[in-house]
Protein backbone atom coordinates (compact mmCIF):
# COMPACT_ATOMS: atom_id res chain seq x y z
CA UNK A 1 3.97 -42.43 78.30
CA UNK A 2 6.01 -39.34 78.76
CA UNK A 3 4.79 -36.18 77.67
CA UNK A 4 6.59 -32.76 77.54
CA UNK A 5 5.32 -29.13 77.66
CA UNK A 6 6.67 -26.82 74.71
CA UNK A 7 6.72 -22.91 74.63
CA UNK A 8 6.33 -21.01 71.37
CA UNK A 9 9.46 -21.55 69.13
CA UNK A 10 12.44 -19.31 69.49
CA UNK A 11 12.62 -18.09 66.11
CA UNK A 12 8.75 -17.12 66.05
CA UNK A 13 9.35 -14.94 69.24
CA UNK A 14 12.54 -13.36 67.62
CA UNK A 15 10.71 -12.35 64.64
CA UNK A 16 7.87 -10.73 66.77
CA UNK A 17 10.40 -8.88 69.31
CA UNK A 18 12.19 -7.47 65.97
CA UNK A 19 8.50 -5.99 65.05
CA UNK A 20 7.58 -8.85 62.79
CA UNK A 21 3.71 -9.09 61.98
CA UNK A 22 1.66 -10.99 64.36
CA UNK A 23 -1.35 -13.59 63.10
CA UNK A 24 -3.15 -10.38 62.03
CA UNK A 25 -0.28 -8.68 60.31
CA UNK A 26 0.42 -6.05 62.86
CA UNK A 27 3.40 -5.19 65.10
CA UNK A 28 3.15 -6.60 68.88
CA UNK A 29 2.09 -4.02 71.52
CA UNK A 30 4.93 -2.91 73.51
CA UNK A 31 4.26 -2.09 77.25
CA UNK A 32 5.05 -3.33 80.87
CA UNK A 33 3.74 -5.69 82.92
CA UNK A 34 1.27 -4.89 85.78
CA UNK A 35 2.22 -8.04 87.41
CA UNK A 36 -1.17 -9.32 87.45
CA UNK A 37 -0.72 -12.68 85.77
CA UNK A 38 0.74 -11.91 82.43
CA UNK A 39 1.80 -15.44 81.34
CA UNK A 40 4.74 -15.38 78.83
CA UNK A 41 4.41 -18.18 76.04
CA UNK A 42 8.19 -18.22 75.65
CA UNK A 43 9.62 -18.42 78.88
CA UNK A 44 6.42 -20.23 80.54
CA UNK A 45 6.46 -17.67 83.67
CA UNK A 46 4.48 -14.97 84.71
CA UNK A 47 6.00 -11.62 83.48
CA UNK A 48 7.24 -9.83 86.39
CA UNK A 49 5.69 -6.50 87.47
CA UNK A 50 7.32 -3.54 85.48
CA UNK A 51 8.88 -5.77 82.77
CA UNK A 52 8.48 -5.01 79.20
CA UNK A 53 6.07 -7.12 77.59
CA UNK A 54 4.67 -7.57 74.05
CA UNK A 55 0.54 -8.22 73.42
CA UNK A 56 -0.06 -9.73 70.09
CA UNK A 57 -2.23 -11.86 68.30
CA UNK A 58 -0.79 -15.69 68.10
CA UNK A 59 -2.11 -18.58 65.86
CA UNK A 60 -0.17 -21.72 66.80
CA UNK A 61 -1.13 -23.57 63.57
CA UNK A 62 0.95 -24.07 60.17
CA UNK A 63 -1.70 -22.42 57.91
CA UNK A 64 -4.84 -20.60 57.98
CA UNK A 65 -7.78 -23.07 58.25
CA UNK A 66 -11.55 -23.01 60.09
CA UNK A 67 -9.89 -24.62 63.29
CA UNK A 68 -6.57 -22.49 63.46
CA UNK A 69 -7.64 -20.43 66.41
CA UNK A 70 -6.03 -17.25 66.95
CA UNK A 71 -6.10 -15.15 70.16
CA UNK A 72 -4.16 -12.50 72.37
CA UNK A 73 -0.82 -13.80 73.89
CA UNK A 74 2.00 -12.24 75.86
CA UNK A 75 5.59 -12.54 75.64
CA UNK A 76 8.38 -11.01 77.55
CA UNK A 77 9.92 -8.41 76.07
CA UNK A 78 13.56 -10.22 76.53
CA UNK A 79 13.47 -13.93 78.14
CA UNK A 80 15.37 -17.06 77.31
CA UNK A 81 12.89 -20.07 75.90
CA UNK A 82 11.72 -22.53 78.60
CA UNK A 83 13.19 -25.93 77.63
CA UNK A 84 10.55 -28.48 76.58
CA UNK A 85 9.89 -30.44 79.98
CA UNK A 86 8.16 -33.18 81.38
CA UNK A 87 7.63 -31.13 84.51
CA UNK A 88 4.60 -28.59 84.57
CA UNK A 89 5.93 -25.07 83.72
CA UNK A 90 5.39 -22.43 86.47
CA UNK A 91 2.77 -20.53 84.11
CA UNK A 92 0.57 -24.02 84.38
CA UNK A 93 1.34 -25.14 87.89
CA UNK A 94 0.33 -21.66 89.05
CA UNK A 95 -3.01 -21.84 87.90
CA UNK A 96 -6.16 -23.91 88.61
CA UNK A 97 -7.38 -25.16 85.48
CA UNK A 98 -7.09 -25.27 81.47
CA UNK A 99 -9.11 -25.93 78.55
CA UNK A 100 -7.11 -29.00 77.10
CA UNK A 101 -7.76 -29.96 73.41
CA UNK A 102 -6.38 -32.45 71.37
CA UNK A 103 -5.59 -31.87 67.67
CA UNK A 104 -4.97 -34.48 64.60
CA UNK A 105 -2.06 -34.63 62.29
CA UNK A 106 -4.19 -32.50 59.88
CA UNK A 107 -3.96 -29.80 62.62
CA UNK A 108 -8.02 -29.89 63.35
CA UNK A 109 -9.66 -30.28 66.70
CA UNK A 110 -10.31 -33.96 67.71
CA UNK A 111 -13.86 -33.65 68.67
CA UNK A 112 -15.04 -34.40 72.29
CA UNK A 113 -11.34 -34.08 73.24
CA UNK A 114 -11.90 -30.33 74.77
CA UNK A 115 -12.22 -30.39 78.41
CA UNK A 116 -11.74 -28.01 81.39
CA UNK A 117 -9.27 -29.60 83.25
CA UNK A 118 -7.92 -29.28 86.94
CA UNK A 119 -4.03 -28.92 87.13
CA UNK A 120 -3.47 -31.96 89.17
CA UNK A 121 -5.28 -34.07 86.21
CA UNK A 122 -3.41 -32.19 83.16
CA UNK A 123 -0.44 -34.81 82.92
CA UNK A 124 -2.96 -37.41 82.74
CA UNK A 125 -5.12 -36.00 80.73
CA UNK A 126 -2.66 -35.16 78.11
CA UNK A 127 -0.98 -38.78 78.49
CA UNK A 128 -4.47 -40.30 77.76
CA UNK A 129 -5.13 -38.12 74.61
CA UNK A 130 -1.56 -38.60 73.13
CA UNK A 131 -1.89 -42.08 73.92
CA UNK A 132 -4.30 -42.19 70.80
CA UNK A 133 -2.76 -42.55 67.34
CA UNK A 134 -5.02 -39.87 66.12
CA UNK A 135 -3.77 -37.10 68.47
CA UNK A 136 -0.42 -35.51 66.95
CA UNK A 137 -0.48 -32.81 69.87
CA UNK A 138 -2.56 -31.24 72.75
CA UNK A 139 -2.70 -27.61 73.68
CA UNK A 140 -3.35 -25.97 76.59
CA UNK A 141 -5.55 -22.81 76.57
CA UNK A 142 -6.82 -20.49 79.28
CA UNK A 143 -10.05 -21.79 80.62
CA UNK A 144 -11.34 -18.39 81.27
CA UNK A 145 -10.25 -16.77 77.93
CA UNK A 146 -9.31 -19.32 75.79
CA UNK A 147 -5.75 -17.89 75.08
CA UNK A 148 -3.29 -20.31 73.69
CA UNK A 149 -0.69 -21.39 76.83
CA UNK A 150 1.49 -23.89 75.58
CA UNK A 151 1.61 -27.31 73.29
CA UNK A 152 2.11 -30.79 74.62
CA UNK A 153 3.69 -33.37 72.85
CA UNK A 154 4.68 -37.14 73.32
CA UNK A 155 8.03 -36.70 75.39
């Protein structure tokens, strides 16, 4: 089975950059990256030092419900979206491990699927979860902070 890594969609990012509300109804904070590993969820690269970035609350789910986790994320002030790719995005490949969680077609966590996974095992872990018909998608989250990084789908 092939898989693909997806960034946050460009329409959402455009709205946030234009001052639209984040998951908490607030405007994104604007600052400059200090270059210490601020991963952009749009281009799926670390934001270079000195580059404008947004900090905001993001909920990568279509509706509020108990499993719709919200957390802080970073976005470049201006960048092109990463194309969905079967290759590990730079922001993923440059780290050691991630929290991997599978979600069902109802956008709820599939219990027992959450696992801290080393980067060399990410693709095979995601493939195994997506091979199960109950899995709609897999989210990669920071292993240390639980922040959403990107979504993985059948590719």
